[in-house]
């Protein structure tokens, strides 16, 4: 568990900005510097890392292999098993 927290903080501290890490009321460790963030749930061991690029697209990755790219309420999610889900302005679904 501590390894995941340390790994998440190392990933964030490797950027040119130092990340601030805190533990919230639910026991989750949250690190953020404005353009990058990481959350670790100590109860499940799940870790999530998010980065926002210059175009405003947020890329979120989990330690289990899932990846989502979102912007303005629209996005694409790729599950570790290969399933792709899309949410657009008028439609949503997975295949």
N, C-alpha and C. Protein backbone atom coordinates (compact mmCIF):
# COMPACT_ATOMS: atom_id res chain seq x y z
N UNK A 1 0.82 -1.18 0.00
CA UNK A 1 0.00 0.00 0.00
C UNK A 1 0.87 1.25 0.00
N UNK A 2 1.83 1.28 0.89
CA UNK A 2 2.71 2.44 0.94
C UNK A 2 3.50 2.59 -0.35
N UNK A 3 3.79 1.45 -0.98
CA UNK A 3 4.53 1.48 -2.24
C UNK A 3 3.75 2.23 -3.31
N UNK A 4 2.44 2.00 -3.38
CA UNK A 4 1.61 2.70 -4.37
C UNK A 4 1.60 4.21 -4.11
N UNK A 5 1.50 4.58 -2.86
CA UNK A 5 1.49 6.01 -2.51
C UNK A 5 2.82 6.64 -2.89
N UNK A 6 3.90 5.96 -2.55
CA UNK A 6 5.23 6.49 -2.86
C UNK A 6 5.42 6.57 -4.37
N UNK A 7 4.99 5.53 -5.10
CA UNK A 7 5.14 5.53 -6.56
C UNK A 7 4.35 6.68 -7.19
N UNK A 8 3.13 6.90 -6.71
CA UNK A 8 2.32 7.99 -7.26
C UNK A 8 2.97 9.34 -7.01
N UNK A 9 3.51 9.53 -5.81
CA UNK A 9 4.15 10.81 -5.49
C UNK A 9 5.45 10.99 -6.27
N UNK A 10 6.18 9.91 -6.52
CA UNK A 10 7.42 10.01 -7.30
C UNK A 10 7.10 10.41 -8.73
N UNK A 11 6.06 9.81 -9.30
CA UNK A 11 5.66 10.16 -10.67
C UNK A 11 5.33 11.64 -10.76
N UNK A 12 4.62 12.14 -9.78
CA UNK A 12 4.22 13.55 -9.80
C UNK A 12 5.38 14.48 -9.50
N UNK A 13 6.28 14.07 -8.62
CA UNK A 13 7.39 14.95 -8.27
C UNK A 13 8.45 15.00 -9.36
N UNK A 14 8.37 14.12 -10.34
CA UNK A 14 9.35 14.15 -11.42
C UNK A 14 9.11 15.31 -12.38
N UNK A 15 7.94 15.95 -12.29
CA UNK A 15 7.69 17.10 -13.15
C UNK A 15 8.44 18.31 -12.61
N UNK A 16 8.40 19.40 -13.37
CA UNK A 16 9.13 20.60 -12.95
C UNK A 16 8.46 21.30 -11.78
N UNK A 17 7.22 20.97 -11.49
CA UNK A 17 6.51 21.56 -10.35
C UNK A 17 6.40 20.53 -9.25
N UNK A 18 6.60 20.95 -8.02
CA UNK A 18 6.48 20.03 -6.89
C UNK A 18 5.00 19.80 -6.58
N UNK A 19 4.63 18.56 -6.37
CA UNK A 19 3.24 18.24 -6.06
C UNK A 19 3.02 18.28 -4.56
N UNK A 20 1.85 18.76 -4.17
CA UNK A 20 1.45 18.75 -2.78
C UNK A 20 0.60 17.51 -2.55
N UNK A 21 0.94 16.69 -1.57
CA UNK A 21 0.19 15.48 -1.26
C UNK A 21 -0.45 15.61 0.10
N UNK A 22 -1.73 15.25 0.19
CA UNK A 22 -2.45 15.28 1.46
C UNK A 22 -3.34 14.05 1.55
N UNK A 23 -3.77 13.74 2.75
CA UNK A 23 -4.72 12.65 2.96
C UNK A 23 -6.06 13.28 3.31
N UNK A 24 -7.10 12.94 2.54
CA UNK A 24 -8.40 13.56 2.78
C UNK A 24 -9.17 12.83 3.87
N UNK A 25 -10.39 13.28 4.15
CA UNK A 25 -11.20 12.73 5.24
C UNK A 25 -11.55 11.26 5.03
N UNK A 26 -11.56 10.81 3.80
CA UNK A 26 -11.87 9.41 3.51
C UNK A 26 -10.64 8.52 3.53
N UNK A 27 -9.48 9.07 3.85
CA UNK A 27 -8.26 8.30 3.92
C UNK A 27 -7.53 8.15 2.61
N UNK A 28 -7.96 8.85 1.58
CA UNK A 28 -7.30 8.78 0.28
C UNK A 28 -6.18 9.80 0.22
N UNK A 29 -5.05 9.38 -0.34
CA UNK A 29 -3.93 10.29 -0.54
C UNK A 29 -4.10 10.95 -1.90
N UNK A 30 -4.08 12.28 -1.91
CA UNK A 30 -4.30 13.04 -3.14
C UNK A 30 -3.09 13.94 -3.38
N UNK A 31 -2.51 13.86 -4.57
CA UNK A 31 -1.38 14.71 -4.93
C UNK A 31 -1.78 15.52 -6.16
N UNK A 32 -1.47 16.82 -6.15
CA UNK A 32 -1.85 17.64 -7.28
C UNK A 32 -0.96 18.86 -7.38
N UNK A 33 -0.66 19.27 -8.62
CA UNK A 33 0.07 20.52 -8.85
C UNK A 33 -0.66 21.39 -9.85
N UNK A 34 -1.92 21.09 -10.13
CA UNK A 34 -2.70 21.88 -11.07
C UNK A 34 -2.82 21.21 -12.43
N UNK A 35 -1.74 20.67 -12.97
CA UNK A 35 -1.81 20.02 -14.27
C UNK A 35 -1.76 18.50 -14.14
N UNK A 36 -1.33 17.99 -12.99
CA UNK A 36 -1.27 16.56 -12.75
C UNK A 36 -1.87 16.27 -11.38
N UNK A 37 -2.44 15.08 -11.24
CA UNK A 37 -3.00 14.68 -9.96
C UNK A 37 -2.94 13.17 -9.83
N UNK A 38 -2.89 12.70 -8.60
CA UNK A 38 -2.92 11.26 -8.33
C UNK A 38 -3.74 11.02 -7.07
N UNK A 39 -4.47 9.91 -7.07
CA UNK A 39 -5.27 9.53 -5.91
C UNK A 39 -5.02 8.05 -5.65
N UNK A 40 -4.83 7.71 -4.38
CA UNK A 40 -4.66 6.32 -3.98
C UNK A 40 -5.69 6.01 -2.92
N UNK A 41 -6.51 4.97 -3.12
CA UNK A 41 -7.48 4.54 -2.14
C UNK A 41 -6.84 3.44 -1.31
N UNK A 42 -6.57 3.69 -0.01
CA UNK A 42 -5.89 2.69 0.81
C UNK A 42 -6.74 1.45 1.08
N UNK A 43 -8.05 1.54 0.97
CA UNK A 43 -8.93 0.40 1.23
C UNK A 43 -8.90 -0.61 0.10
N UNK A 44 -8.80 -0.14 -1.13
CA UNK A 44 -8.82 -1.04 -2.28
C UNK A 44 -7.47 -1.18 -2.95
N UNK A 45 -6.56 -0.25 -2.71
CA UNK A 45 -5.26 -0.26 -3.36
C UNK A 45 -5.29 0.31 -4.76
N UNK A 46 -6.43 0.86 -5.17
CA UNK A 46 -6.54 1.45 -6.51
C UNK A 46 -5.83 2.80 -6.55
N UNK A 47 -5.07 3.01 -7.61
CA UNK A 47 -4.38 4.28 -7.82
C UNK A 47 -4.80 4.85 -9.16
N UNK A 48 -5.00 6.16 -9.20
CA UNK A 48 -5.41 6.84 -10.42
C UNK A 48 -4.51 8.05 -10.62
N UNK A 49 -4.02 8.22 -11.85
CA UNK A 49 -3.19 9.36 -12.18
C UNK A 49 -3.86 10.12 -13.31
N UNK A 50 -3.90 11.45 -13.20
CA UNK A 50 -4.52 12.26 -14.25
C UNK A 50 -3.59 13.39 -14.66
N UNK A 51 -3.58 13.68 -15.95
CA UNK A 51 -2.79 14.80 -16.49
C UNK A 51 -3.65 15.57 -17.47
N UNK A 52 -3.53 16.89 -17.48
CA UNK A 52 -4.25 17.73 -18.43
C UNK A 52 -3.23 18.36 -19.37
N UNK A 53 -3.46 18.25 -20.70
CA UNK A 53 -2.52 18.82 -21.66
C UNK A 53 -2.92 20.26 -22.02
N UNK A 54 -2.16 20.87 -22.93
CA UNK A 54 -2.37 22.26 -23.30
C UNK A 54 -3.73 22.48 -23.96
N UNK A 55 -4.26 21.46 -24.62
CA UNK A 55 -5.54 21.57 -25.31
C UNK A 55 -6.73 21.38 -24.37
N UNK A 56 -6.46 21.09 -23.10
CA UNK A 56 -7.54 20.90 -22.13
C UNK A 56 -8.06 19.48 -22.03
N UNK A 57 -7.40 18.53 -22.68
CA UNK A 57 -7.81 17.13 -22.63
C UNK A 57 -7.18 16.48 -21.40
N UNK A 58 -8.02 15.86 -20.56
CA UNK A 58 -7.53 15.19 -19.36
C UNK A 58 -7.38 13.70 -19.65
N UNK A 59 -6.18 13.17 -19.44
CA UNK A 59 -5.91 11.75 -19.60
C UNK A 59 -5.80 11.14 -18.21
N UNK A 60 -6.64 10.16 -17.94
CA UNK A 60 -6.67 9.51 -16.64
C UNK A 60 -6.29 8.05 -16.82
N UNK A 61 -5.34 7.57 -16.00
CA UNK A 61 -4.90 6.17 -16.08
C UNK A 61 -5.01 5.54 -14.70
N UNK A 62 -5.43 4.26 -14.68
CA UNK A 62 -5.50 3.52 -13.42
C UNK A 62 -4.35 2.52 -13.35
N UNK A 63 -4.06 2.06 -12.14
CA UNK A 63 -2.99 1.08 -11.98
C UNK A 63 -3.41 -0.29 -12.50
N UNK A 64 -4.68 -0.46 -12.87
CA UNK A 64 -5.15 -1.73 -13.42
C UNK A 64 -5.20 -1.73 -14.94
N UNK A 65 -4.79 -0.62 -15.58
CA UNK A 65 -4.69 -0.59 -17.02
C UNK A 65 -5.76 0.18 -17.77
N UNK A 66 -6.73 0.74 -17.09
CA UNK A 66 -7.77 1.52 -17.76
C UNK A 66 -7.26 2.91 -18.11
N UNK A 67 -7.79 3.48 -19.19
CA UNK A 67 -7.38 4.81 -19.60
C UNK A 67 -8.59 5.56 -20.15
N UNK A 68 -8.74 6.83 -19.73
CA UNK A 68 -9.83 7.67 -20.23
C UNK A 68 -9.26 9.00 -20.69
N UNK A 69 -9.82 9.51 -21.79
CA UNK A 69 -9.47 10.85 -22.29
C UNK A 69 -10.77 11.62 -22.34
N UNK A 70 -10.83 12.75 -21.63
CA UNK A 70 -12.07 13.51 -21.54
C UNK A 70 -11.82 15.00 -21.74
N UNK A 71 -12.88 15.68 -22.24
CA UNK A 71 -12.86 17.13 -22.37
C UNK A 71 -14.30 17.60 -22.55
N UNK A 72 -14.70 18.55 -21.73
CA UNK A 72 -16.03 19.14 -21.87
C UNK A 72 -17.18 18.17 -21.75
N UNK A 73 -17.09 17.18 -20.89
CA UNK A 73 -18.17 16.22 -20.71
C UNK A 73 -18.22 15.11 -21.74
N UNK A 74 -17.29 15.09 -22.68
CA UNK A 74 -17.22 14.05 -23.71
C UNK A 74 -15.94 13.28 -23.51
N UNK A 75 -15.93 12.00 -23.90
CA UNK A 75 -14.71 11.25 -23.71
C UNK A 75 -14.72 9.85 -24.28
N UNK A 76 -13.55 9.23 -24.16
CA UNK A 76 -13.34 7.85 -24.60
C UNK A 76 -12.65 7.11 -23.47
N UNK A 77 -13.16 5.91 -23.14
CA UNK A 77 -12.56 5.07 -22.11
C UNK A 77 -12.15 3.75 -22.73
N UNK A 78 -10.92 3.33 -22.46
CA UNK A 78 -10.43 2.03 -22.91
C UNK A 78 -10.15 1.18 -21.68
N UNK A 79 -10.89 0.10 -21.53
CA UNK A 79 -10.75 -0.81 -20.40
C UNK A 79 -9.56 -1.74 -20.62
N UNK A 80 -9.02 -2.30 -19.54
CA UNK A 80 -7.90 -3.23 -19.68
C UNK A 80 -8.22 -4.46 -20.54
N UNK A 81 -9.51 -4.83 -20.62
CA UNK A 81 -9.88 -6.01 -21.41
C UNK A 81 -10.11 -5.70 -22.89
N UNK A 82 -9.89 -4.43 -23.30
CA UNK A 82 -10.02 -4.05 -24.70
C UNK A 82 -11.34 -3.37 -25.04
N UNK A 83 -12.27 -3.32 -24.10
CA UNK A 83 -13.55 -2.65 -24.34
C UNK A 83 -13.33 -1.15 -24.47
N UNK A 84 -13.98 -0.53 -25.46
CA UNK A 84 -13.89 0.90 -25.64
C UNK A 84 -15.29 1.50 -25.47
N UNK A 85 -15.41 2.52 -24.62
CA UNK A 85 -16.66 3.21 -24.41
C UNK A 85 -16.49 4.67 -24.80
N UNK A 86 -17.53 5.20 -25.47
CA UNK A 86 -17.48 6.57 -25.96
C UNK A 86 -18.71 7.31 -25.47
N UNK A 87 -18.52 8.56 -25.03
CA UNK A 87 -19.63 9.43 -24.70
C UNK A 87 -19.46 10.72 -25.48
N UNK A 88 -20.42 11.00 -26.34
CA UNK A 88 -20.39 12.21 -27.15
C UNK A 88 -21.53 13.13 -26.79
N UNK A 89 -21.78 14.13 -27.63
CA UNK A 89 -22.83 15.10 -27.37
C UNK A 89 -24.22 14.44 -27.46
N UNK A 90 -24.41 13.52 -28.39
CA UNK A 90 -25.74 12.94 -28.61
C UNK A 90 -25.81 11.43 -28.40
N UNK A 91 -24.71 10.80 -28.13
CA UNK A 91 -24.73 9.34 -28.03
C UNK A 91 -23.67 8.85 -27.05
N UNK A 92 -23.88 7.64 -26.56
CA UNK A 92 -22.89 6.99 -25.72
C UNK A 92 -23.06 5.49 -25.85
N UNK A 93 -21.97 4.76 -25.59
CA UNK A 93 -22.05 3.32 -25.68
C UNK A 93 -20.67 2.67 -25.68
N UNK A 94 -20.68 1.36 -25.57
CA UNK A 94 -19.44 0.58 -25.53
C UNK A 94 -19.49 -0.51 -26.59
N UNK A 95 -18.29 -0.91 -27.03
CA UNK A 95 -18.19 -2.04 -27.95
C UNK A 95 -16.93 -2.81 -27.68
